[in-house]
Full PDB file with SEQRES, HELIX, SHEET, SSBOND, CRYST1, ORIGX, SCALE, CONECT and MASTER records, all heavy atoms in Angstrom:
SEQRES   1 A   40  ARG LYS LEU GLU CYS GLU VAL ALA GLY LYS ILE MET ARG          
SEQRES   2 A   40  ILE GLU ALA ALA VAL GLY ALA ARG VAL GLU ALA GLU ASP          
SEQRES   3 A   40  SER ILE LEU ILE VAL GLU SER MET LYS MET GLU ILE PRO          
SEQRES   4 A   40  LEU                                                          
SHEET    1 AA1 3 LYS A  10  ILE A  14  0                                        
SHEET    2 AA1 3 LEU A  29  SER A  33 -1                                        
SHEET    3 AA1 3 MET A  36  PRO A  39 -1                                        
CRYST1    1.000    1.000    1.000  90.00  90.00  90.00 P 1           1          
ORIGX1      1.000000  0.000000  0.000000        0.00000                         
ORIGX2      0.000000  1.000000  0.000000        0.00000                         
ORIGX3      0.000000  0.000000  1.000000        0.00000                         
SCALE1      1.000000  0.000000  0.000000        0.00000                         
SCALE2      0.000000  1.000000  0.000000        0.00000                         
SCALE3      0.000000  0.000000  1.000000        0.00000                         
ATOM      1  N   ARG A   1     -24.234 -23.914  14.778  1.00  0.00           N  
ATOM      2  CA  ARG A   1     -23.853 -25.285  14.432  1.00  0.00           C  
ATOM      3  C   ARG A   1     -23.353 -25.286  13.009  1.00  0.00           C  
ATOM      4  O   ARG A   1     -23.986 -24.708  12.127  1.00  0.00           O  
ATOM      5  CB  ARG A   1     -25.045 -26.230  14.543  1.00  0.00           C  
ATOM      6  CG  ARG A   1     -25.520 -26.290  15.976  1.00  0.00           C  
ATOM      7  CD  ARG A   1     -26.149 -27.482  16.477  1.00  0.00           C  
ATOM      8  NE  ARG A   1     -25.697 -28.783  16.130  1.00  0.00           N  
ATOM      9  CZ  ARG A   1     -26.357 -29.857  16.515  1.00  0.00           C  
ATOM     10  NH1 ARG A   1     -27.456 -29.756  17.222  1.00  0.00           N  
ATOM     11  NH2 ARG A   1     -25.906 -31.049  16.191  1.00  0.00           N  
ATOM     12  N   LYS A   2     -22.223 -25.915  12.794  1.00  0.00           N  
ATOM     13  CA  LYS A   2     -21.676 -26.064  11.448  1.00  0.00           C  
ATOM     14  C   LYS A   2     -22.159 -27.395  10.891  1.00  0.00           C  
ATOM     15  O   LYS A   2     -21.908 -28.443  11.497  1.00  0.00           O  
ATOM     16  CB  LYS A   2     -20.153 -26.026  11.484  1.00  0.00           C  
ATOM     17  CG  LYS A   2     -19.613 -24.683  11.890  1.00  0.00           C  
ATOM     18  CD  LYS A   2     -18.102 -24.691  11.916  1.00  0.00           C  
ATOM     19  CE  LYS A   2     -17.574 -23.329  12.294  1.00  0.00           C  
ATOM     20  NZ  LYS A   2     -16.114 -23.301  12.310  1.00  0.00           N  
ATOM     21  N   LEU A   3     -22.840 -27.349   9.764  1.00  0.00           N  
ATOM     22  CA  LEU A   3     -23.332 -28.567   9.132  1.00  0.00           C  
ATOM     23  C   LEU A   3     -22.372 -28.942   8.009  1.00  0.00           C  
ATOM     24  O   LEU A   3     -22.024 -28.109   7.176  1.00  0.00           O  
ATOM     25  CB  LEU A   3     -24.741 -28.364   8.581  1.00  0.00           C  
ATOM     26  CG  LEU A   3     -25.777 -27.818   9.572  1.00  0.00           C  
ATOM     27  CD1 LEU A   3     -27.143 -27.773   8.926  1.00  0.00           C  
ATOM     28  CD2 LEU A   3     -25.819 -28.653  10.826  1.00  0.00           C  
ATOM     29  N   GLU A   4     -21.971 -30.199   8.004  1.00  0.00           N  
ATOM     30  CA  GLU A   4     -20.998 -30.685   7.038  1.00  0.00           C  
ATOM     31  C   GLU A   4     -21.645 -31.675   6.081  1.00  0.00           C  
ATOM     32  O   GLU A   4     -22.580 -32.392   6.460  1.00  0.00           O  
ATOM     33  CB  GLU A   4     -19.845 -31.379   7.771  1.00  0.00           C  
ATOM     34  CG  GLU A   4     -19.108 -30.450   8.712  1.00  0.00           C  
ATOM     35  CD  GLU A   4     -18.049 -31.159   9.522  1.00  0.00           C  
ATOM     36  OE1 GLU A   4     -18.043 -32.411   9.562  1.00  0.00           O  
ATOM     37  OE2 GLU A   4     -17.224 -30.457  10.125  1.00  0.00           O  
ATOM     38  N   CYS A   5     -21.129 -31.713   4.858  1.00  0.00           N  
ATOM     39  CA  CYS A   5     -21.609 -32.679   3.873  1.00  0.00           C  
ATOM     40  C   CYS A   5     -21.255 -34.086   4.348  1.00  0.00           C  
ATOM     41  O   CYS A   5     -20.136 -34.326   4.801  1.00  0.00           O  
ATOM     42  CB  CYS A   5     -20.971 -32.421   2.516  1.00  0.00           C  
ATOM     43  SG  CYS A   5     -21.461 -30.852   1.784  1.00  0.00           S  
ATOM     44  N   GLU A   6     -22.201 -34.994   4.237  1.00  0.00           N  
ATOM     45  CA  GLU A   6     -21.973 -36.367   4.676  1.00  0.00           C  
ATOM     46  C   GLU A   6     -21.256 -37.194   3.614  1.00  0.00           C  
ATOM     47  O   GLU A   6     -20.677 -38.224   3.919  1.00  0.00           O  
ATOM     48  CB  GLU A   6     -23.305 -37.020   5.029  1.00  0.00           C  
ATOM     49  CG  GLU A   6     -23.987 -36.360   6.210  1.00  0.00           C  
ATOM     50  CD  GLU A   6     -25.352 -36.943   6.498  1.00  0.00           C  
ATOM     51  OE1 GLU A   6     -25.749 -37.932   5.854  1.00  0.00           O  
ATOM     52  OE2 GLU A   6     -26.035 -36.398   7.377  1.00  0.00           O  
ATOM     53  N   VAL A   7     -21.323 -36.739   2.356  1.00  0.00           N  
ATOM     54  CA  VAL A   7     -20.710 -37.459   1.245  1.00  0.00           C  
ATOM     55  C   VAL A   7     -20.055 -36.460   0.294  1.00  0.00           C  
ATOM     56  O   VAL A   7     -20.409 -35.283   0.277  1.00  0.00           O  
ATOM     57  CB  VAL A   7     -21.752 -38.288   0.458  1.00  0.00           C  
ATOM     58  CG1 VAL A   7     -22.356 -39.380   1.302  1.00  0.00           C  
ATOM     59  CG2 VAL A   7     -22.835 -37.397  -0.111  1.00  0.00           C  
ATOM     60  N   ALA A   8     -19.113 -36.949  -0.489  1.00  0.00           N  
ATOM     61  CA  ALA A   8     -18.547 -36.128  -1.565  1.00  0.00           C  
ATOM     62  C   ALA A   8     -19.520 -36.159  -2.731  1.00  0.00           C  
ATOM     63  O   ALA A   8     -20.198 -37.158  -2.969  1.00  0.00           O  
ATOM     64  CB  ALA A   8     -17.200 -36.691  -1.981  1.00  0.00           C  
ATOM     65  N   GLY A   9     -19.616 -35.047  -3.441  1.00  0.00           N  
ATOM     66  CA  GLY A   9     -20.514 -35.002  -4.590  1.00  0.00           C  
ATOM     67  C   GLY A   9     -20.645 -33.593  -5.124  1.00  0.00           C  
ATOM     68  O   GLY A   9     -19.736 -32.775  -4.988  1.00  0.00           O  
ATOM     69  N   LYS A  10     -21.800 -33.323  -5.715  1.00  0.00           N  
ATOM     70  CA  LYS A  10     -22.075 -32.038  -6.344  1.00  0.00           C  
ATOM     71  C   LYS A  10     -23.362 -31.471  -5.755  1.00  0.00           C  
ATOM     72  O   LYS A  10     -24.342 -32.200  -5.577  1.00  0.00           O  
ATOM     73  CB  LYS A  10     -22.234 -32.254  -7.853  1.00  0.00           C  
ATOM     74  CG  LYS A  10     -22.415 -31.009  -8.654  1.00  0.00           C  
ATOM     75  CD  LYS A  10     -22.466 -31.370 -10.136  1.00  0.00           C  
ATOM     76  CE  LYS A  10     -22.485 -30.139 -10.989  1.00  0.00           C  
ATOM     77  NZ  LYS A  10     -22.439 -30.493 -12.420  1.00  0.00           N  
ATOM     78  N   ILE A  11     -23.353 -30.172  -5.451  1.00  0.00           N  
ATOM     79  CA  ILE A  11     -24.559 -29.529  -4.920  1.00  0.00           C  
ATOM     80  C   ILE A  11     -25.579 -29.415  -6.051  1.00  0.00           C  
ATOM     81  O   ILE A  11     -25.350 -28.730  -7.042  1.00  0.00           O  
ATOM     82  CB  ILE A  11     -24.251 -28.130  -4.341  1.00  0.00           C  
ATOM     83  CG1 ILE A  11     -23.198 -28.208  -3.236  1.00  0.00           C  
ATOM     84  CG2 ILE A  11     -25.532 -27.456  -3.843  1.00  0.00           C  
ATOM     85  CD1 ILE A  11     -23.595 -28.989  -2.016  1.00  0.00           C  
ATOM     86  N   MET A  12     -26.678 -30.138  -5.899  1.00  0.00           N  
ATOM     87  CA  MET A  12     -27.740 -30.119  -6.911  1.00  0.00           C  
ATOM     88  C   MET A  12     -28.688 -28.947  -6.716  1.00  0.00           C  
ATOM     89  O   MET A  12     -29.084 -28.297  -7.674  1.00  0.00           O  
ATOM     90  CB  MET A  12     -28.582 -31.402  -6.823  1.00  0.00           C  
ATOM     91  CG  MET A  12     -28.071 -32.539  -7.617  1.00  0.00           C  
ATOM     92  SD  MET A  12     -29.275 -33.871  -7.645  1.00  0.00           S  
ATOM     93  CE  MET A  12     -30.625 -33.131  -8.520  1.00  0.00           C  
ATOM     94  N   ARG A  13     -29.076 -28.736  -5.454  1.00  0.00           N  
ATOM     95  CA  ARG A  13     -30.128 -27.760  -5.188  1.00  0.00           C  
ATOM     96  C   ARG A  13     -29.989 -27.231  -3.762  1.00  0.00           C  
ATOM     97  O   ARG A  13     -29.733 -27.988  -2.838  1.00  0.00           O  
ATOM     98  CB  ARG A  13     -31.480 -28.448  -5.374  1.00  0.00           C  
ATOM     99  CG  ARG A  13     -32.674 -27.583  -5.292  1.00  0.00           C  
ATOM    100  CD  ARG A  13     -33.963 -28.309  -5.731  1.00  0.00           C  
ATOM    101  NE  ARG A  13     -34.227 -29.537  -4.977  1.00  0.00           N  
ATOM    102  CZ  ARG A  13     -34.104 -30.778  -5.465  1.00  0.00           C  
ATOM    103  NH1 ARG A  13     -33.710 -30.979  -6.700  1.00  0.00           N  
ATOM    104  NH2 ARG A  13     -34.375 -31.831  -4.719  1.00  0.00           N  
ATOM    105  N   ILE A  14     -30.171 -25.933  -3.621  1.00  0.00           N  
ATOM    106  CA  ILE A  14     -30.234 -25.315  -2.301  1.00  0.00           C  
ATOM    107  C   ILE A  14     -31.707 -25.031  -2.024  1.00  0.00           C  
ATOM    108  O   ILE A  14     -32.373 -24.368  -2.818  1.00  0.00           O  
ATOM    109  CB  ILE A  14     -29.375 -24.038  -2.246  1.00  0.00           C  
ATOM    110  CG1 ILE A  14     -27.905 -24.419  -2.445  1.00  0.00           C  
ATOM    111  CG2 ILE A  14     -29.587 -23.310  -0.925  1.00  0.00           C  
ATOM    112  CD1 ILE A  14     -26.947 -23.277  -2.522  1.00  0.00           C  
ATOM    113  N   GLU A  15     -32.207 -25.572  -0.920  1.00  0.00           N  
ATOM    114  CA  GLU A  15     -33.639 -25.527  -0.638  1.00  0.00           C  
ATOM    115  C   GLU A  15     -34.033 -24.512   0.426  1.00  0.00           C  
ATOM    116  O   GLU A  15     -35.214 -24.254   0.606  1.00  0.00           O  
ATOM    117  CB  GLU A  15     -34.128 -26.917  -0.242  1.00  0.00           C  
ATOM    118  CG  GLU A  15     -33.928 -27.922  -1.364  1.00  0.00           C  
ATOM    119  CD  GLU A  15     -34.601 -29.242  -1.109  1.00  0.00           C  
ATOM    120  OE1 GLU A  15     -34.584 -29.723   0.041  1.00  0.00           O  
ATOM    121  OE2 GLU A  15     -35.146 -29.797  -2.078  1.00  0.00           O  
ATOM    122  N   ALA A  16     -33.069 -23.951   1.136  1.00  0.00           N  
ATOM    123  CA  ALA A  16     -33.369 -22.953   2.173  1.00  0.00           C  
ATOM    124  C   ALA A  16     -32.388 -21.797   2.013  1.00  0.00           C  
ATOM    125  O   ALA A  16     -31.193 -22.009   1.854  1.00  0.00           O  
ATOM    126  CB  ALA A  16     -33.247 -23.564   3.562  1.00  0.00           C  
ATOM    127  N   ALA A  17     -32.902 -20.594   2.033  1.00  0.00           N  
ATOM    128  CA  ALA A  17     -32.065 -19.400   1.865  1.00  0.00           C  
ATOM    129  C   ALA A  17     -31.516 -18.936   3.211  1.00  0.00           C  
ATOM    130  O   ALA A  17     -32.044 -19.290   4.273  1.00  0.00           O  
ATOM    131  CB  ALA A  17     -32.896 -18.286   1.235  1.00  0.00           C  
ATOM    132  N   VAL A  18     -30.466 -18.130   3.154  1.00  0.00           N  
ATOM    133  CA  VAL A  18     -29.948 -17.500   4.370  1.00  0.00           C  
ATOM    134  C   VAL A  18     -31.082 -16.681   4.986  1.00  0.00           C  
ATOM    135  O   VAL A  18     -31.806 -15.972   4.291  1.00  0.00           O  
ATOM    136  CB  VAL A  18     -28.724 -16.609   4.048  1.00  0.00           C  
ATOM    137  CG1 VAL A  18     -28.328 -15.785   5.258  1.00  0.00           C  
ATOM    138  CG2 VAL A  18     -27.566 -17.458   3.567  1.00  0.00           C  
ATOM    139  N   GLY A  19     -31.259 -16.826   6.281  1.00  0.00           N  
ATOM    140  CA  GLY A  19     -32.335 -16.139   6.995  1.00  0.00           C  
ATOM    141  C   GLY A  19     -33.588 -16.982   7.172  1.00  0.00           C  
ATOM    142  O   GLY A  19     -34.473 -16.626   7.939  1.00  0.00           O  
ATOM    143  N   ALA A  20     -33.654 -18.124   6.477  1.00  0.00           N  
ATOM    144  CA  ALA A  20     -34.832 -18.990   6.573  1.00  0.00           C  
ATOM    145  C   ALA A  20     -34.849 -19.717   7.915  1.00  0.00           C  
ATOM    146  O   ALA A  20     -33.823 -20.157   8.424  1.00  0.00           O  
ATOM    147  CB  ALA A  20     -34.839 -20.001   5.437  1.00  0.00           C  
ATOM    148  N   ARG A  21     -36.016 -19.836   8.483  1.00  0.00           N  
ATOM    149  CA  ARG A  21     -36.222 -20.612   9.707  1.00  0.00           C  
ATOM    150  C   ARG A  21     -36.492 -22.052   9.299  1.00  0.00           C  
ATOM    151  O   ARG A  21     -37.326 -22.308   8.428  1.00  0.00           O  
ATOM    152  CB  ARG A  21     -37.411 -20.029  10.476  1.00  0.00           C  
ATOM    153  CG  ARG A  21     -37.761 -20.776  11.724  1.00  0.00           C  
ATOM    154  CD  ARG A  21     -36.983 -20.264  12.910  1.00  0.00           C  
ATOM    155  NE  ARG A  21     -37.399 -21.025  14.082  1.00  0.00           N  
ATOM    156  CZ  ARG A  21     -36.569 -21.425  15.013  1.00  0.00           C  
ATOM    157  NH1 ARG A  21     -35.323 -21.091  14.962  1.00  0.00           N  
ATOM    158  NH2 ARG A  21     -37.004 -22.119  16.034  1.00  0.00           N  
ATOM    159  N   VAL A  22     -35.757 -22.996   9.872  1.00  0.00           N  
ATOM    160  CA  VAL A  22     -35.941 -24.414   9.565  1.00  0.00           C  
ATOM    161  C   VAL A  22     -36.231 -25.188  10.844  1.00  0.00           C  
ATOM    162  O   VAL A  22     -35.821 -24.787  11.931  1.00  0.00           O  
ATOM    163  CB  VAL A  22     -34.708 -25.012   8.843  1.00  0.00           C  
ATOM    164  CG1 VAL A  22     -34.536 -24.406   7.468  1.00  0.00           C  
ATOM    165  CG2 VAL A  22     -33.441 -24.850   9.670  1.00  0.00           C  
ATOM    166  N   GLU A  23     -36.945 -26.268  10.685  1.00  0.00           N  
ATOM    167  CA  GLU A  23     -37.234 -27.175  11.791  1.00  0.00           C  
ATOM    168  C   GLU A  23     -36.302 -28.373  11.692  1.00  0.00           C  
ATOM    169  O   GLU A  23     -35.702 -28.624  10.648  1.00  0.00           O  
ATOM    170  CB  GLU A  23     -38.696 -27.639  11.733  1.00  0.00           C  
ATOM    171  CG  GLU A  23     -39.711 -26.500  11.889  1.00  0.00           C  
ATOM    172  CD  GLU A  23     -39.585 -25.758  13.212  1.00  0.00           C  
ATOM    173  OE1 GLU A  23     -39.329 -26.419  14.243  1.00  0.00           O  
ATOM    174  OE2 GLU A  23     -39.738 -24.527  13.213  1.00  0.00           O  
ATOM    175  N   ALA A  24     -36.168 -29.115  12.763  1.00  0.00           N  
ATOM    176  CA  ALA A  24     -35.346 -30.328  12.750  1.00  0.00           C  
ATOM    177  C   ALA A  24     -35.805 -31.236  11.618  1.00  0.00           C  
ATOM    178  O   ALA A  24     -37.011 -31.400  11.395  1.00  0.00           O  
ATOM    179  CB  ALA A  24     -35.450 -31.045  14.089  1.00  0.00           C  
ATOM    180  N   GLU A  25     -34.857 -31.776  10.895  1.00  0.00           N  
ATOM    181  CA  GLU A  25     -35.068 -32.702   9.768  1.00  0.00           C  
ATOM    182  C   GLU A  25     -35.505 -32.012   8.466  1.00  0.00           C  
ATOM    183  O   GLU A  25     -35.725 -32.692   7.477  1.00  0.00           O  
ATOM    184  CB  GLU A  25     -36.052 -33.824  10.135  1.00  0.00           C  
ATOM    185  CG  GLU A  25     -35.606 -34.665  11.311  1.00  0.00           C  
ATOM    186  CD  GLU A  25     -34.229 -35.298  11.120  1.00  0.00           C  
ATOM    187  OE1 GLU A  25     -33.920 -35.789  10.029  1.00  0.00           O  
ATOM    188  OE2 GLU A  25     -33.449 -35.269  12.096  1.00  0.00           O  
ATOM    189  N   ASP A  26     -35.629 -30.677   8.443  1.00  0.00           N  
ATOM    190  CA  ASP A  26     -35.896 -29.971   7.191  1.00  0.00           C  
ATOM    191  C   ASP A  26     -34.647 -30.055   6.312  1.00  0.00           C  
ATOM    192  O   ASP A  26     -33.529 -29.884   6.788  1.00  0.00           O  
ATOM    193  CB  ASP A  26     -36.235 -28.498   7.417  1.00  0.00           C  
ATOM    194  CG  ASP A  26     -37.639 -28.274   7.925  1.00  0.00           C  
ATOM    195  OD1 ASP A  26     -38.422 -29.246   8.005  1.00  0.00           O  
ATOM    196  OD2 ASP A  26     -37.962 -27.112   8.238  1.00  0.00           O  
ATOM    197  N   SER A  27     -34.853 -30.278   5.028  1.00  0.00           N  
ATOM    198  CA  SER A  27     -33.745 -30.326   4.074  1.00  0.00           C  
ATOM    199  C   SER A  27     -33.272 -28.909   3.762  1.00  0.00           C  
ATOM    200  O   SER A  27     -34.078 -28.024   3.478  1.00  0.00           O  
ATOM    201  CB  SER A  27     -34.217 -31.018   2.790  1.00  0.00           C  
ATOM    202  OG  SER A  27     -33.213 -30.990   1.817  1.00  0.00           O  
ATOM    203  N   ILE A  28     -31.964 -28.693   3.822  1.00  0.00           N  
ATOM    204  CA  ILE A  28     -31.391 -27.379   3.520  1.00  0.00           C  
ATOM    205  C   ILE A  28     -30.783 -27.382   2.120  1.00  0.00           C  
ATOM    206  O   ILE A  28     -30.918 -26.418   1.384  1.00  0.00           O  
ATOM    207  CB  ILE A  28     -30.352 -26.980   4.574  1.00  0.00           C  
ATOM    208  CG1 ILE A  28     -31.036 -26.888   5.942  1.00  0.00           C  
ATOM    209  CG2 ILE A  28     -29.683 -25.660   4.202  1.00  0.00           C  
ATOM    210  CD1 ILE A  28     -30.093 -26.667   7.100  1.00  0.00           C  
ATOM    211  N   LEU A  29     -30.122 -28.475   1.762  1.00  0.00           N  
ATOM    212  CA  LEU A  29     -29.594 -28.597   0.404  1.00  0.00           C  
ATOM    213  C   LEU A  29     -29.510 -30.064   0.023  1.00  0.00           C  
ATOM    214  O   LEU A  29     -29.624 -30.947   0.867  1.00  0.00           O  
ATOM    215  CB  LEU A  29     -28.242 -27.889   0.262  1.00  0.00           C  
ATOM    216  CG  LEU A  29     -27.093 -28.273   1.183  1.00  0.00           C  
ATOM    217  CD1 LEU A  29     -26.344 -29.488   0.665  1.00  0.00           C  
ATOM    218  CD2 LEU A  29     -26.133 -27.112   1.291  1.00  0.00           C  
ATOM    219  N   ILE A  30     -29.338 -30.295  -1.281  1.00  0.00           N  
ATOM    220  CA  ILE A  30     -29.269 -31.654  -1.813  1.00  0.00           C  
ATOM    221  C   ILE A  30     -27.917 -31.845  -2.484  1.00  0.00           C  
ATOM    222  O   ILE A  30     -27.515 -31.040  -3.328  1.00  0.00           O  
ATOM    223  CB  ILE A  30     -30.384 -31.917  -2.857  1.00  0.00           C  
ATOM    224  CG1 ILE A  30     -31.770 -31.634  -2.284  1.00  0.00           C  
ATOM    225  CG2 ILE A  30     -30.288 -33.334  -3.424  1.00  0.00           C  
ATOM    226  CD1 ILE A  30     -32.232 -32.568  -1.208  1.00  0.00           C  
ATOM    227  N   VAL A  31     -27.229 -32.935  -2.104  1.00  0.00           N  
ATOM    228  CA  VAL A  31     -25.958 -33.305  -2.720  1.00  0.00           C  
ATOM    229  C   VAL A  31     -26.202 -34.529  -3.604  1.00  0.00           C  
ATOM    230  O   VAL A  31     -26.826 -35.499  -3.174  1.00  0.00           O  
ATOM    231  CB  VAL A  31     -24.898 -33.657  -1.644  1.00  0.00           C  
ATOM    232  CG1 VAL A  31     -23.597 -34.090  -2.296  1.00  0.00           C  
ATOM    233  CG2 VAL A  31     -24.668 -32.487  -0.701  1.00  0.00           C  
ATOM    234  N   GLU A  32     -25.724 -34.468  -4.848  1.00  0.00           N  
ATOM    235  CA  GLU A  32     -25.788 -35.630  -5.736  1.00  0.00           C  
ATOM    236  C   GLU A  32     -24.470 -36.376  -5.613  1.00  0.00           C  
ATOM    237  O   GLU A  32     -23.398 -35.794  -5.799  1.00  0.00           O  
ATOM    238  CB  GLU A  32     -26.011 -35.210  -7.179  1.00  0.00           C  
ATOM    239  CG  GLU A  32     -26.069 -36.394  -8.116  1.00  0.00           C  
ATOM    240  CD  GLU A  32     -26.209 -35.991  -9.568  1.00  0.00           C  
ATOM    241  OE1 GLU A  32     -25.834 -34.864  -9.930  1.00  0.00           O  
ATOM    242  OE2 GLU A  32     -26.680 -36.837 -10.332  1.00  0.00           O  
ATOM    243  N   SER A  33     -24.572 -37.657  -5.289  1.00  0.00           N  
ATOM    244  CA  SER A  33     -23.391 -38.497  -5.144  1.00  0.00           C  
ATOM    245  C   SER A  33     -23.703 -39.864  -5.729  1.00  0.00           C  
ATOM    246  O   SER A  33     -24.677 -40.506  -5.306  1.00  0.00           O  
ATOM    247  CB  SER A  33     -23.011 -38.622  -3.672  1.00  0.00           C  
ATOM    248  OG  SER A  33     -21.877 -39.438  -3.522  1.00  0.00           O  
ATOM    249  N   MET A  34     -22.936 -40.277  -6.712  1.00  0.00           N  
ATOM    250  CA  MET A  34     -23.118 -41.578  -7.354  1.00  0.00           C  
ATOM    251  C   MET A  34     -24.570 -41.769  -7.811  1.00  0.00           C  
ATOM    252  O   MET A  34     -25.185 -42.802  -7.559  1.00  0.00           O  
ATOM    253  CB  MET A  34     -22.667 -42.695  -6.420  1.00  0.00           C  
ATOM    254  CG  MET A  34     -21.198 -42.607  -6.104  1.00  0.00           C  
ATOM    255  SD  MET A  34     -20.439 -43.829  -5.013  1.00  0.00           S  
ATOM    256  CE  MET A  34     -21.682 -44.967  -4.614  1.00  0.00           C  
ATOM    257  N   LYS A  35     -25.128 -40.743  -8.445  1.00  0.00           N  
ATOM    258  CA  LYS A  35     -26.489 -40.737  -9.004  1.00  0.00           C  
ATOM    259  C   LYS A  35     -27.579 -40.837  -7.942  1.00  0.00           C  
ATOM    260  O   LYS A  35     -28.719 -41.148  -8.248  1.00  0.00           O  
ATOM    261  CB  LYS A  35     -26.649 -41.829 -10.052  1.00  0.00           C  
ATOM    262  CG  LYS A  35     -25.724 -41.647 -11.234  1.00  0.00           C  
ATOM    263  CD  LYS A  35     -25.983 -42.668 -12.310  1.00  0.00           C  
ATOM    264  CE  LYS A  35     -25.012 -42.459 -13.452  1.00  0.00           C  
ATOM    265  NZ  LYS A  35     -25.196 -43.425 -14.511  1.00  0.00           N  
ATOM    266  N   MET A  36     -27.229 -40.573  -6.687  1.00  0.00           N  
ATOM    267  CA  MET A  36     -28.215 -40.540  -5.605  1.00  0.00           C  
ATOM    268  C   MET A  36     -28.314 -39.120  -5.084  1.00  0.00           C  
ATOM    269  O   MET A  36     -27.338 -38.371  -5.089  1.00  0.00           O  
ATOM    270  CB  MET A  36     -27.796 -41.482  -4.465  1.00  0.00           C  
ATOM    271  CG  MET A  36     -27.811 -42.919  -4.848  1.00  0.00           C  
ATOM    272  SD  MET A  36     -27.193 -44.067  -3.580  1.00  0.00           S  
ATOM    273  CE  MET A  36     -27.556 -43.328  -2.064  1.00  0.00           C  
ATOM    274  N   GLU A  37     -29.505 -38.730  -4.633  1.00  0.00           N  
ATOM    275  CA  GLU A  37     -29.717 -37.412  -4.038  1.00  0.00           C  
ATOM    276  C   GLU A  37     -29.712 -37.549  -2.527  1.00  0.00           C  
ATOM    277  O   GLU A  37     -30.563 -38.237  -1.967  1.00  0.00           O  
ATOM    278  CB  GLU A  37     -31.037 -36.816  -4.520  1.00  0.00           C  
ATOM    279  CG  GLU A  37     -31.049 -36.530  -6.009  1.00  0.00           C  
ATOM    280  CD  GLU A  37     -32.343 -35.895  -6.480  1.00  0.00           C  
ATOM    281  OE1 GLU A  37     -33.186 -35.508  -5.644  1.00  0.00           O  
ATOM    282  OE2 GLU A  37     -32.504 -35.792  -7.710  1.00  0.00           O  
ATOM    283  N   ILE A  38     -28.747 -36.911  -1.869  1.00  0.00           N  
ATOM    284  CA  ILE A  38     -28.595 -37.011  -0.416  1.00  0.00           C  
ATOM    285  C   ILE A  38     -28.897 -35.640   0.185  1.00  0.00           C  
ATOM    286  O   ILE A  38     -28.172 -34.677  -0.081  1.00  0.00           O  
ATOM    287  CB  ILE A  38     -27.158 -37.426  -0.029  1.00  0.00           C  
ATOM    288  CG1 ILE A  38     -26.689 -38.568  -0.750  1.00  0.00           C  
ATOM    289  CG2 ILE A  38     -27.025 -37.551   1.488  1.00  0.00           C  
ATOM    290  CD1 ILE A  38     -26.613 -39.740  -1.100  1.00  0.00           C  
ATOM    291  N   PRO A  39     -29.936 -35.536   1.005  1.00  0.00           N  
ATOM    292  CA  PRO A  39     -30.234 -34.237   1.618  1.00  0.00           C  
ATOM    293  C   PRO A  39     -29.318 -33.952   2.799  1.00  0.00           C  
ATOM    294  O   PRO A  39     -28.911 -34.865   3.519  1.00  0.00           O  
ATOM    295  CB  PRO A  39     -31.680 -34.395   2.087  1.00  0.00           C  
ATOM    296  CG  PRO A  39     -31.849 -35.861   2.315  1.00  0.00           C  
ATOM    297  CD  PRO A  39     -30.930 -36.551   1.326  1.00  0.00           C  
ATOM    298  N   LEU A  40     -28.978 -32.678   2.957  1.00  0.00           N  
ATOM    299  CA  LEU A  40     -28.316 -32.209   4.179  1.00  0.00           C  
ATOM    300  C   LEU A  40     -29.421 -31.558   4.986  1.00  0.00           C  
ATOM    301  O   LEU A  40     -29.970 -30.527   4.574  1.00  0.00           O  
ATOM    302  CB  LEU A  40     -27.203 -31.216   3.858  1.00  0.00           C  
ATOM    303  CG  LEU A  40     -26.482 -30.619   5.074  1.00  0.00           C  
ATOM    304  CD1 LEU A  40     -25.783 -31.714   5.875  1.00  0.00           C  
ATOM    305  CD2 LEU A  40     -25.478 -29.579   4.635  1.00  0.00           C  
TER     306      LEU A  40                                                      
MASTER        0    0    0    0    3    0    0    6  305    1    0    4          
END                                                                             
Protein backbone atom coordinates (compact mmCIF):
# COMPACT_ATOMS: atom_id res chain seq x y z
CA ARG A 1 0.00 0.00 0.00
CA LYS A 2 1.31 3.42 -0.91
CA LEU A 3 0.61 5.95 1.82
CA GLU A 4 0.32 9.56 0.71
CA CYS A 5 0.60 12.80 2.66
CA GLU A 6 -2.84 14.21 3.38
CA VAL A 7 -1.56 17.81 3.52
CA ALA A 8 1.32 19.88 2.19
CA GLY A 9 3.92 20.71 4.81
CA LYS A 10 7.24 19.70 6.31
CA ILE A 11 8.23 16.31 7.71
CA MET A 12 8.77 16.94 11.42
CA ARG A 13 9.46 13.44 12.66
CA ILE A 14 9.67 9.88 11.38
CA GLU A 15 8.29 7.55 14.04
CA ALA A 16 8.66 4.11 12.42
CA ALA A 17 11.76 2.75 10.69
CA VAL A 18 11.89 0.60 7.57
CA GLY A 19 11.25 -2.97 8.69
CA ALA A 20 9.08 -1.93 11.65
CA ARG A 21 5.82 -3.78 12.21
CA VAL A 22 2.89 -1.37 12.66
CA GLU A 23 -0.72 -1.87 13.62
CA ALA A 24 -3.70 -0.05 12.11
CA GLU A 25 -3.77 3.60 13.24
CA ASP A 26 -0.10 3.59 14.37
CA SER A 27 1.63 6.85 13.45
CA ILE A 28 4.45 6.41 10.93
CA LEU A 29 5.46 10.05 10.49
CA ILE A 30 4.38 13.55 11.45
CA VAL A 31 3.81 16.38 8.96
CA GLU A 32 3.79 19.98 10.19
CA SER A 33 1.29 22.09 8.28
CA MET A 34 0.19 25.58 9.28
CA LYS A 35 1.65 25.07 12.81
CA MET A 36 -0.35 21.84 13.27
CA GLU A 37 1.11 18.34 13.60
CA ILE A 38 -0.68 15.88 11.31
CA PRO A 39 0.20 12.19 11.68
CA LEU A 40 0.39 9.85 8.71
